[in-house]
């Protein structure tokens, strides 16, 4: 807590890369990567799960940001993409939230005690819905192929 009160931002390990929890910027900023703004609260707004009080989302480890996948076209698990779960911003930085909203940080600390080490947890692919989309899209692609092959084998000579 003293470290945070001295002005140092808490950090979370996401797939071996350090991200700073920056409440003022409402983002998780990757350490030493200025090519991206990282993961913003807006990026995560649709991925909040109240049952666990966490964010669960797909993460592009190469770009250090939330991954965008076209669920209507995905046919394999994308390379460099993993499914992750992270705590809420309140749980990652209760002091920063209290300061940002001009509240008594001691109350926030009691309700959300700071964790010594913050780390994103991988979610196994089989625990996500991605597999169902892949299955459906592969099936759809197989159903479309016979018609395409017939056209290739029997070219039209006249309109």
Protein backbone atom coordinates (compact mmCIF):
# COMPACT_ATOMS: atom_id res chain seq x y z
CA UNK A 1 0.00 0.00 0.00
CA UNK A 2 2.83 2.40 0.86
CA UNK A 3 4.28 1.85 -2.61
CA UNK A 4 0.96 2.94 -4.16
CA UNK A 5 0.51 5.90 -1.81
CA UNK A 6 3.96 7.12 -2.88
CA UNK A 7 2.57 7.50 -6.41
CA UNK A 8 3.73 4.23 -7.98
CA UNK A 9 1.21 2.52 -10.23
CA UNK A 10 0.32 -1.10 -9.57
CA UNK A 11 1.26 -3.57 -12.29
CA UNK A 12 -0.31 -6.75 -13.62
CA UNK A 13 1.48 -9.53 -15.46
CA UNK A 14 -0.36 -10.38 -18.68
CA UNK A 15 1.23 -13.30 -20.51
CA UNK A 16 4.70 -12.42 -19.22
CA UNK A 17 4.42 -8.72 -20.07
CA UNK A 18 4.09 -6.03 -17.41
CA UNK A 19 1.11 -3.66 -17.67
CA UNK A 20 0.61 -0.61 -15.45
CA UNK A 21 -2.88 -0.08 -14.01
CA UNK A 22 -3.48 3.57 -14.87
CA UNK A 23 -6.81 4.73 -13.44
CA UNK A 24 -6.47 8.30 -14.73
CA UNK A 25 -6.00 7.04 -18.29
CA UNK A 26 -8.56 4.26 -17.65
CA UNK A 27 -6.23 1.69 -19.13
CA UNK A 28 -3.67 -1.03 -18.65
CA UNK A 29 -0.55 0.41 -20.27
CA UNK A 30 2.10 -2.05 -21.46
CA UNK A 31 5.59 -1.47 -20.08
CA UNK A 32 8.05 -0.36 -22.78
CA UNK A 33 5.59 -0.68 -25.68
CA UNK A 34 4.55 2.67 -27.08
CA UNK A 35 3.07 1.24 -30.31
CA UNK A 36 -0.28 0.61 -28.59
CA UNK A 37 -2.43 2.29 -25.98
CA UNK A 38 -2.80 -1.11 -24.36
CA UNK A 39 -6.08 -2.29 -22.92
CA UNK A 40 -8.59 0.43 -22.13
CA UNK A 41 -11.59 0.24 -19.85
CA UNK A 42 -13.75 0.84 -22.95
CA UNK A 43 -12.16 -2.23 -24.59
CA UNK A 44 -13.21 -4.30 -21.58
CA UNK A 45 -16.71 -2.91 -20.95
CA UNK A 46 -18.44 -5.74 -22.84
CA UNK A 47 -16.34 -8.43 -21.16
CA UNK A 48 -17.28 -7.88 -17.51
CA UNK A 49 -18.61 -10.98 -15.73
CA UNK A 50 -20.40 -10.08 -12.48
CA UNK A 51 -20.49 -13.71 -11.29
CA UNK A 52 -16.67 -13.72 -10.94
CA UNK A 53 -16.31 -9.91 -10.69
CA UNK A 54 -13.67 -10.16 -13.45
CA UNK A 55 -13.09 -9.31 -17.08
CA UNK A 56 -12.78 -12.29 -19.45
CA UNK A 57 -11.57 -11.50 -22.95
CA UNK A 58 -9.39 -12.54 -25.88
CA UNK A 59 -5.91 -11.06 -25.82
CA UNK A 60 -3.46 -10.60 -28.69
CA UNK A 61 -0.06 -11.27 -27.11
CA UNK A 62 1.79 -9.84 -30.11
CA UNK A 63 -0.05 -6.49 -30.14
CA UNK A 64 -0.58 -6.27 -26.33
CA UNK A 65 -4.26 -5.47 -26.71
CA UNK A 66 -7.73 -6.99 -26.75
CA UNK A 67 -8.05 -9.27 -29.78
CA UNK A 68 -10.82 -8.79 -32.30
CA UNK A 69 -12.02 -12.01 -33.89
CA UNK A 70 -14.75 -12.34 -36.50
CA UNK A 71 -16.87 -15.08 -34.94
CA UNK A 72 -18.74 -15.60 -38.22
CA UNK A 73 -15.50 -16.54 -40.03
CA UNK A 74 -13.13 -18.04 -37.46
CA UNK A 75 -12.09 -21.59 -38.46
CA UNK A 76 -9.13 -22.13 -36.13
CA UNK A 77 -7.78 -20.81 -32.88
CA UNK A 78 -5.81 -17.72 -33.91
CA UNK A 79 -2.08 -17.66 -33.30
CA UNK A 80 -0.87 -15.22 -30.64
CA UNK A 81 -4.38 -15.02 -29.14
CA UNK A 82 -5.26 -16.37 -25.70
CA UNK A 83 -8.36 -16.21 -23.54
CA UNK A 84 -7.71 -14.36 -20.27
CA UNK A 85 -9.36 -13.35 -17.04
CA UNK A 86 -8.25 -10.32 -15.01
CA UNK A 87 -9.61 -8.62 -11.87
CA UNK A 88 -11.62 -5.42 -12.08
CA UNK A 89 -9.88 -2.05 -11.93
CA UNK A 90 -11.28 -1.66 -8.41
CA UNK A 91 -9.51 -4.85 -7.32
CA UNK A 92 -6.30 -3.94 -9.15
CA UNK A 93 -6.04 -0.39 -7.80
CA UNK A 94 -8.48 0.55 -5.01
CA UNK A 95 -6.27 3.51 -4.02
CA UNK A 96 -6.36 4.94 -7.55
CA UNK A 97 -10.14 4.51 -7.77
CA UNK A 98 -10.60 6.24 -4.39
CA UNK A 99 -8.36 9.13 -5.47
CA UNK A 100 -10.09 9.44 -8.83
CA UNK A 101 -13.52 9.68 -7.17
CA UNK A 102 -12.27 11.74 -4.18
CA UNK A 103 -13.25 9.06 -1.68
CA UNK A 104 -11.65 7.80 1.50
CA UNK A 105 -9.15 5.20 0.25
CA UNK A 106 -9.18 3.34 3.61
CA UNK A 107 -12.78 2.26 2.99
CA UNK A 108 -11.87 1.10 -0.48
CA UNK A 109 -8.88 -0.82 0.87
CA UNK A 110 -11.05 -2.64 3.41
CA UNK A 111 -13.54 -3.66 0.73
CA UNK A 112 -10.84 -4.44 -1.87
CA UNK A 113 -7.55 -5.28 -0.15
CA UNK A 114 -4.60 -4.88 -2.52
CA UNK A 115 -3.02 -8.05 -3.83
CA UNK A 116 0.72 -8.54 -3.59
CA UNK A 117 0.96 -9.90 -7.12
CA UNK A 118 -1.48 -9.30 -9.95
CA UNK A 119 -1.47 -11.79 -12.80
CA UNK A 120 -3.89 -12.52 -15.63
CA UNK A 121 -5.19 -16.08 -15.63
CA UNK A 122 -5.50 -18.08 -18.85
CA UNK A 123 -8.87 -19.54 -19.64
CA UNK A 124 -8.66 -22.91 -21.42
CA UNK A 125 -10.10 -22.73 -24.96
CA UNK A 126 -12.52 -25.54 -24.16
CA UNK A 127 -14.08 -23.27 -21.49
CA UNK A 128 -14.93 -20.65 -24.13
CA UNK A 129 -17.51 -20.54 -26.93
CA UNK A 130 -14.84 -20.15 -29.63
CA UNK A 131 -14.82 -23.91 -30.28
CA UNK A 132 -18.54 -23.85 -31.10
CA UNK A 133 -18.04 -21.05 -33.62
CA UNK A 134 -15.08 -22.84 -35.21
CA UNK A 135 -17.12 -26.05 -35.54
CA UNK A 136 -20.08 -24.21 -37.05
CA UNK A 137 -17.93 -22.24 -39.51
CA UNK A 138 -16.01 -25.34 -40.65
CA UNK A 139 -19.28 -27.17 -41.22
CA UNK A 140 -20.65 -24.21 -43.16
CA UNK A 141 -17.47 -24.09 -45.30
CA UNK A 142 -17.72 -27.83 -46.09
CA UNK A 143 -21.34 -27.44 -47.16
CA UNK A 144 -20.41 -24.63 -49.56
CA UNK A 145 -17.41 -26.38 -51.15
CA UNK A 146 -19.25 -28.99 -53.32
CA UNK A 147 -21.04 -26.26 -55.29
CA UNK A 148 -17.81 -24.37 -55.82
CA UNK A 149 -16.00 -27.49 -57.01
CA UNK A 150 -18.75 -28.27 -59.52
CA UNK A 151 -18.41 -24.83 -61.01
CA UNK A 152 -14.66 -25.25 -61.35
CA UNK A 153 -15.00 -28.68 -62.98
CA UNK A 154 -17.74 -27.64 -65.41
CA UNK A 155 -16.83 -24.24 -66.76
CA UNK A 156 -19.51 -22.48 -68.74
CA UNK A 157 -18.55 -22.06 -72.35
CA UNK A 158 -21.40 -19.71 -73.23
CA UNK A 159 -23.37 -17.24 -71.19
